[in-house]
Structures are given as C-alpha cells and as structure tokens.
C-alpha cells in the first residue's frame, strides 16, 4: 500500500531556535577555549607526516586544534577526551578508520565520565567495523558533535546505536547545547544494534540530521533510528530506506516518555521514508506517543512502500 503525505505546516520555531542557539554557543565556547594561543594543524598520513596514527595526533593536540588525516585505512579505536577538536579526512572515499570490532571506532566524551563538555567535529571519513555495547561506530556523550560528509557503515552495538549512540551524560548544570548531535551529508548504513540500528539518541539529546541517508540498518526496535523521550530532533532532506526491525519501527522509532516525563518531538521536513520493514508495527515510522503527537510534518514528505506485520504500508 502506497501513502504519499503532503503537509504544509508552520515551521516549529522553537526547534529551529534551539539549533541556532546550539551552534552559536558552540562557536563562542570554542573561541573562548583557544583565545590564549594559536590554533595548530596536525597532519596524519601513512608516510612523511609527523604522525602515522590518529590517536597520537589526538594525544598531542590541544583544544582548538585541527587534525588532518591523509588517504588510507587506519586500524584504530580513537579516544577524544576533554578537548575541542576538528578531525578531517581526505574524503569518505579516501580515508577510512577501521575499529577491527575491538571497541567503538570513536569514543568522544569528557573524563571523568559524566563531567565537563567539549566540541568535536568529524568530516571526510568512513567509520567502520566498530563494536561496543552502546555506539559501535561513534559513542559520544557530553559533547556537541558535528559529523559531515562521512560514512558510518558496518558497525555493531550489543545494546543501542550500532552506528552512533549519543548519550545524555554531562555536567549536572550543562545546557542542552552540550547534548547535541548534528549530522550533515552522511551515509549511515548496514549497522546493527538492539535498539537504533543506525542511530540512537538518548533522552534529552537534541539532534539535527540533514541531507543524509539511513539505509539498510537493523535492530530489534528502530532499525534506522531510535529517538528516546524528551528529545528535540529535526530530520530534513533525508532518506530513511531499507531498514528493518524485528519488533516495531522499521525506519524509525519515536519514543514517548513515561509517567511525568516529556515525550520526544521529531520534525520531518522533505524526507523520504521508503521500503522499511518491521515485524510488528510501524514499518516506516513507529511512535509510542498517544495519537502520534510527538511527530511534526513539514513540507512534502514521502512515506511509501513500508511493510509491517500488523499494519502494512505505514
């Protein structure tokens, strides 16, 4: 059964304002951290550079530095702790970071765990063969993380977030600007987890996904993505396709809060949710919110050719 939905609704201004605030606060914080010194560019490559391993460059870097990684495959599990860093590959077709299923490919969090905050940007990378309980490809917490022009493929989590898991942990008084995930022009594909095969965002983590594809991921719940309660997420100009779930939410699961907890609010804008499959409900999109009131549809969204065991075509 085909369903093509066309909605013309007023933009959710509060969500947009949140992201502009996030980016503004991130820029101001980064500037403050590095105002007392010159920013450095550290080069990583197979031969002829100061660093042959990414972790060595990360360890040597200081907040505000940029790490540029040359073409090649780097077999590493990289930890970024307590530093604001920009990590740039040559392109997702040229620079691969392979975790060899020995842990998350990138672990990005302030230490001690649950304290502080940091700002990190990843671009031009293929991130693959990571394995962890949460966040096989990227495990991130207490961080404003921006991932652009990258591929997160073939990672595995035994619990949540096969490709990426964004966790809540941060300082007790941390603003939402340090619980943010921004994904732009990325491919998230062929990842697996118990919940959120491609992507999992924990409660109160706010996310923006734009001009990206979540394709061929698998989970028990939320094959493409699992969005927990109390989040504010925006998905725009993005394709969610060919994802599968053994339970609910082949394409995406949007969770309601428990008693006394706020529900998620997810805005879909000019997206295609197609060819996803769930064994139970919500082949394309599953929402546990009563009446689906935690979903906002803007512009023209295509939701079609999705299959579920209980309601074909949703």
Protein backbone atom coordinates (compact mmCIF):
# COMPACT_ATOMS: atom_id res chain seq x y z
CA UNK A 1 0.00 0.00 0.00
CA UNK A 2 1.38 3.41 -1.02
CA UNK A 3 0.92 6.50 1.09
CA UNK A 4 2.14 9.90 -0.02
CA UNK A 5 1.74 12.61 2.53
CA UNK A 6 1.85 16.29 1.73
CA UNK A 7 1.73 18.70 4.60
CA UNK A 8 2.17 22.45 4.67
CA UNK A 9 2.61 23.38 8.29
CA UNK A 10 4.24 26.31 10.03
CA UNK A 11 7.82 25.53 10.99
CA UNK A 12 8.43 24.59 14.55
CA UNK A 13 10.24 27.76 15.54
CA UNK A 14 11.29 26.51 18.94
CA UNK A 15 13.21 23.61 17.39
CA UNK A 16 14.93 25.85 14.82
CA UNK A 17 15.82 28.36 17.53
CA UNK A 18 17.36 25.57 19.59
CA UNK A 19 19.74 24.58 16.81
CA UNK A 20 20.78 28.18 16.08
CA UNK A 21 21.40 28.64 19.81
CA UNK A 22 23.39 25.40 19.91
CA UNK A 23 25.65 26.47 17.05
CA UNK A 24 26.12 29.99 18.44
CA UNK A 25 27.02 28.76 21.91
CA UNK A 26 29.35 26.16 20.45
CA UNK A 27 31.26 28.78 18.45
CA UNK A 28 31.55 31.12 21.41
CA UNK A 29 32.76 28.35 23.70
CA UNK A 30 35.36 27.13 21.21
CA UNK A 31 36.66 30.68 20.72
CA UNK A 32 36.98 31.13 24.47
CA UNK A 33 38.87 27.88 24.87
CA UNK A 34 41.53 28.76 22.30
CA UNK A 35 41.76 32.54 22.60
CA UNK A 36 45.04 32.37 24.50
CA UNK A 37 47.08 30.61 21.79
CA UNK A 38 47.47 29.96 18.10
CA UNK A 39 45.50 27.04 16.68
CA UNK A 40 47.60 24.26 15.19
CA UNK A 41 47.04 21.84 12.30
CA UNK A 42 48.43 18.35 12.95
CA UNK A 43 48.91 16.02 9.99
CA UNK A 44 48.45 12.25 9.98
CA UNK A 45 49.44 10.12 7.00
CA UNK A 46 51.00 6.80 6.12
CA UNK A 47 54.42 8.24 5.33
CA UNK A 48 56.15 11.58 5.63
CA UNK A 49 53.98 13.14 8.37
CA UNK A 50 54.77 13.81 11.99
CA UNK A 51 52.05 11.34 13.00
CA UNK A 52 51.25 7.95 11.49
CA UNK A 53 48.36 7.23 13.88
CA UNK A 54 45.28 9.31 14.62
CA UNK A 55 45.43 8.66 18.35
CA UNK A 56 48.98 10.00 18.53
CA UNK A 57 47.83 13.26 16.95
CA UNK A 58 44.81 13.47 19.27
CA UNK A 59 47.05 12.97 22.31
CA UNK A 60 49.43 15.68 21.13
CA UNK A 61 46.69 18.15 20.20
CA UNK A 62 45.28 20.90 22.38
CA UNK A 63 41.77 22.33 22.36
CA UNK A 64 41.03 24.21 19.16
CA UNK A 65 43.48 22.25 17.02
CA UNK A 66 42.66 20.59 13.69
CA UNK A 67 43.81 17.08 12.78
CA UNK A 68 44.05 16.38 9.05
CA UNK A 69 44.20 12.71 8.05
CA UNK A 70 45.57 11.66 4.67
CA UNK A 71 44.21 8.91 2.43
CA UNK A 72 44.42 5.30 3.59
CA UNK A 73 42.93 2.88 6.10
CA UNK A 74 43.81 3.42 9.75
CA UNK A 75 43.13 0.46 12.05
CA UNK A 76 42.40 2.30 15.28
CA UNK A 77 39.97 2.91 18.11
CA UNK A 78 40.26 6.62 18.81
CA UNK A 79 39.51 8.32 22.15
CA UNK A 80 38.84 12.06 22.23
CA UNK A 81 38.56 13.30 25.81
CA UNK A 82 38.40 16.82 27.24
CA UNK A 83 39.41 18.58 24.00
CA UNK A 84 37.66 20.68 21.37
CA UNK A 85 38.97 19.21 18.11
CA UNK A 86 38.29 19.21 14.39
CA UNK A 87 39.16 15.91 12.70
CA UNK A 88 39.23 15.96 8.89
CA UNK A 89 39.79 13.08 6.50
CA UNK A 90 40.62 13.48 2.81
CA UNK A 91 37.08 12.26 1.95
CA UNK A 92 34.88 9.34 2.90
CA UNK A 93 36.12 7.53 -0.23
CA UNK A 94 39.78 8.02 0.68
CA UNK A 95 40.14 7.97 4.48
CA UNK A 96 38.84 5.00 6.49
CA UNK A 97 39.08 4.42 10.23
CA UNK A 98 38.56 0.70 10.92
CA UNK A 99 37.92 -0.33 14.52
CA UNK A 100 38.52 -4.07 13.89
CA UNK A 101 35.49 -4.77 16.15
CA UNK A 102 37.70 -4.09 19.20
CA UNK A 103 35.63 -1.19 20.55
CA UNK A 104 33.92 1.93 19.24
CA UNK A 105 35.81 3.50 16.35
CA UNK A 106 35.48 6.91 18.03
CA UNK A 107 34.80 7.35 21.75
CA UNK A 108 34.12 11.03 22.39
CA UNK A 109 33.42 12.12 25.95
CA UNK A 110 34.79 14.27 28.76
CA UNK A 111 36.59 12.44 31.54
CA UNK A 112 35.89 11.58 34.28
CA UNK A 113 32.78 10.21 32.59
CA UNK A 114 29.76 12.42 33.23
CA UNK A 115 31.70 15.67 33.81
CA UNK A 116 32.61 18.63 31.64
CA UNK A 117 31.79 19.28 27.99
CA UNK A 118 33.57 19.51 24.66
CA UNK A 119 33.05 20.40 21.00
CA UNK A 120 34.16 17.95 18.29
CA UNK A 121 33.79 17.87 14.51
CA UNK A 122 34.39 14.82 12.28
CA UNK A 123 34.38 15.09 8.48
CA UNK A 124 35.53 13.29 5.35
CA UNK A 125 35.78 9.84 6.96
CA UNK A 126 34.48 6.32 6.61
CA UNK A 127 33.96 4.92 10.12
CA UNK A 128 33.59 1.14 10.10
CA UNK A 129 33.92 -2.15 11.99
CA UNK A 130 33.31 -0.72 15.45
CA UNK A 131 31.79 -2.77 18.24
CA UNK A 132 30.56 -1.71 21.68
CA UNK A 133 27.59 -2.11 23.99
CA UNK A 134 26.50 1.45 23.07
CA UNK A 135 27.71 3.25 19.96
CA UNK A 136 29.59 0.80 17.78
CA UNK A 137 30.83 3.39 15.30
CA UNK A 138 30.71 6.51 17.46
CA UNK A 139 29.96 6.68 21.17
CA UNK A 140 29.50 10.30 22.23
CA UNK A 141 28.48 11.98 25.49
CA UNK A 142 28.68 15.46 26.99
CA UNK A 143 29.68 16.83 23.59
CA UNK A 144 28.46 18.99 20.75
CA UNK A 145 29.31 16.60 17.92
CA UNK A 146 29.08 17.52 14.25
CA UNK A 147 29.58 14.80 11.65
CA UNK A 148 29.70 15.87 7.99
CA UNK A 149 30.46 14.27 4.62
CA UNK A 150 31.15 10.90 6.23
CA UNK A 151 30.03 7.27 6.04
CA UNK A 152 29.25 5.30 9.20
CA UNK A 153 28.93 1.74 7.95
CA UNK A 154 29.02 -1.86 9.19
CA UNK A 155 29.26 -1.20 12.93
CA UNK A 156 27.63 -3.18 15.74
CA UNK A 157 26.32 -2.46 19.23
CA UNK A 158 25.02 -5.11 21.58
CA UNK A 159 22.62 -2.61 23.15
CA UNK A 160 21.97 0.70 21.36
CA UNK A 161 23.25 2.80 18.49
CA UNK A 162 25.02 0.48 16.08
CA UNK A 163 26.30 3.41 14.02
CA UNK A 164 26.10 6.28 16.53
CA UNK A 165 24.90 6.47 20.13
CA UNK A 166 24.52 9.94 21.64
CA UNK A 167 24.33 9.74 25.43
CA UNK A 168 23.00 12.24 27.94
CA UNK A 169 25.83 12.20 30.46
CA UNK A 170 27.32 15.62 31.16
CA UNK A 171 27.63 18.12 33.97
CA UNK A 172 24.58 18.46 36.15
CA UNK A 173 24.05 22.06 35.04
CA UNK A 174 25.06 21.55 31.40
CA UNK A 175 22.82 23.30 28.91
CA UNK A 176 21.30 21.40 26.02
CA UNK A 177 23.98 22.95 23.80
CA UNK A 178 26.35 20.31 25.16
CA UNK A 179 24.00 17.43 24.42
CA UNK A 180 23.71 17.96 20.69
CA UNK A 181 24.32 15.88 17.59
CA UNK A 182 24.47 17.39 14.10
CA UNK A 183 24.72 15.08 11.08
CA UNK A 184 25.02 16.57 7.60
CA UNK A 185 25.57 14.87 4.22
CA UNK A 186 26.32 11.49 5.78
CA UNK A 187 25.60 7.87 4.94
CA UNK A 188 24.63 5.66 7.90
CA UNK A 189 24.31 2.14 6.55
CA UNK A 190 24.42 -1.56 7.42
CA UNK A 191 24.79 -1.04 11.17
CA UNK A 192 23.18 -3.31 13.80
CA UNK A 193 22.02 -2.95 17.41
CA UNK A 194 19.32 -4.00 19.85
CA UNK A 195 17.75 -0.53 19.53
CA UNK A 196 18.60 2.12 16.96
CA UNK A 197 20.49 0.12 14.35
CA UNK A 198 21.83 3.20 12.59
CA UNK A 199 21.39 5.86 15.27
CA UNK A 200 20.25 6.10 18.87
CA UNK A 201 19.76 9.37 20.74
CA UNK A 202 19.26 9.12 24.47
CA UNK A 203 16.76 11.21 26.40
CA UNK A 204 17.35 14.98 26.24
CA UNK A 205 19.94 14.75 23.46
CA UNK A 206 18.89 17.10 20.65
CA UNK A 207 19.77 16.26 17.07
CA UNK A 208 19.71 17.65 13.55
CA UNK A 209 20.01 15.25 10.61
CA UNK A 210 20.10 16.83 7.16
CA UNK A 211 20.82 15.78 3.58
CA UNK A 212 21.76 12.29 4.75
CA UNK A 213 20.76 8.65 4.25
CA UNK A 214 19.96 5.96 6.81
CA UNK A 215 19.97 2.79 4.73
CA UNK A 216 19.98 -0.94 5.41
CA UNK A 217 20.35 -0.81 9.20
CA UNK A 218 18.81 -3.40 11.53
CA UNK A 219 17.63 -3.55 15.16
CA UNK A 220 15.05 -5.13 17.40
CA UNK A 221 13.43 -1.67 17.69
CA UNK A 222 14.09 1.31 15.43
CA UNK A 223 16.00 -0.24 12.54
CA UNK A 224 17.15 3.10 11.12
CA UNK A 225 16.98 5.19 14.28
CA UNK A 226 15.60 5.16 17.83
CA UNK A 227 14.77 8.58 19.30
CA UNK A 228 14.19 8.48 23.06
CA UNK A 229 11.80 10.68 25.06
CA UNK A 230 12.41 14.35 25.90
CA UNK A 231 14.46 14.98 22.76
CA UNK A 232 14.04 17.67 20.13
CA UNK A 233 15.12 16.32 16.78
CA UNK A 234 14.85 17.58 13.23
CA UNK A 235 15.28 15.37 10.15
CA UNK A 236 15.34 17.22 6.82
CA UNK A 237 16.03 16.31 3.19
CA UNK A 238 16.98 12.82 4.36
CA UNK A 239 16.24 9.32 3.05
CA UNK A 240 15.36 6.56 5.52
CA UNK A 241 15.12 3.37 3.50
CA UNK A 242 15.56 -0.41 3.53
CA UNK A 243 15.94 -0.59 7.30
CA UNK A 244 14.44 -3.49 9.27
CA UNK A 245 13.27 -4.18 12.81
CA UNK A 246 12.39 -7.47 14.47
CA UNK A 247 9.86 -5.55 16.57
CA UNK A 248 8.49 -2.03 15.97
CA UNK A 249 9.78 0.85 13.88
CA UNK A 250 11.49 -0.46 10.77
CA UNK A 251 12.57 3.02 9.70
CA UNK A 252 12.44 4.99 12.93
CA UNK A 253 11.03 4.68 16.45
CA UNK A 254 9.97 7.87 18.25
CA UNK A 255 9.52 7.22 21.96
CA UNK A 256 7.06 8.69 24.41
CA UNK A 257 8.11 9.47 27.95
CA UNK A 258 6.96 7.54 30.95
CA UNK A 259 4.66 8.96 33.60
CA UNK A 260 5.70 12.55 34.28
CA UNK A 261 8.32 12.51 31.51
CA UNK A 262 8.06 14.66 28.39
CA UNK A 263 7.66 12.99 25.01
CA UNK A 264 10.02 13.46 22.09
CA UNK A 265 9.34 15.99 19.38
CA UNK A 266 10.65 14.98 15.96
CA UNK A 267 10.17 17.17 12.91
CA UNK A 268 10.29 15.57 9.46
CA UNK A 269 10.87 18.05 6.63
CA UNK A 270 11.06 16.98 2.98
CA UNK A 271 12.09 13.42 3.82
CA UNK A 272 11.61 10.06 2.11
CA UNK A 273 10.75 7.10 4.36
CA UNK A 274 10.56 4.16 1.96
CA UNK A 275 10.96 0.38 1.77
CA UNK A 276 11.42 -0.15 5.50
CA UNK A 277 10.05 -3.20 7.30
CA UNK A 278 9.00 -4.06 10.86
CA UNK A 279 7.87 -7.46 12.11
CA UNK A 280 5.28 -5.79 14.38
CA UNK A 281 4.12 -2.17 13.93
CA UNK A 282 5.37 0.92 12.15
CA UNK A 283 7.12 -0.29 9.05
CA UNK A 284 8.21 3.27 8.24
CA UNK A 285 7.66 5.28 11.42
CA UNK A 286 6.56 4.00 14.82
CA UNK A 287 5.58 6.37 17.59
CA UNK A 288 4.70 5.32 21.11
CA UNK A 289 3.23 8.79 21.74
CA UNK A 290 -0.52 8.76 22.18
CA UNK A 291 -2.03 9.77 18.84
CA UNK A 292 1.43 10.35 17.36
CA UNK A 293 1.51 13.89 18.76
CA UNK A 294 5.29 13.92 19.06
CA UNK A 295 5.72 13.99 15.27
CA UNK A 296 5.62 17.19 13.20
CA UNK A 297 5.50 17.01 9.39
CA UNK A 298 6.68 19.99 7.36
CA UNK A 299 6.53 20.46 3.62
CA UNK A 300 6.34 17.37 1.43
CA UNK A 301 7.29 14.03 2.94
CA UNK A 302 7.05 10.70 1.14
CA UNK A 303 6.14 7.71 3.29
CA UNK A 304 5.63 4.75 1.00
CA UNK A 305 6.23 1.04 0.39
CA UNK A 306 6.85 0.33 4.07
CA UNK A 307 5.72 -3.01 5.48
CA UNK A 308 4.81 -4.13 8.99
CA UNK A 309 3.30 -7.27 10.40
CA UNK A 310 0.27 -5.53 11.91
CA UNK A 311 -0.32 -2.53 9.62
CA UNK A 312 1.06 -2.91 6.08
CA UNK A 313 2.06 0.33 4.39
CA UNK A 314 2.57 2.60 7.44
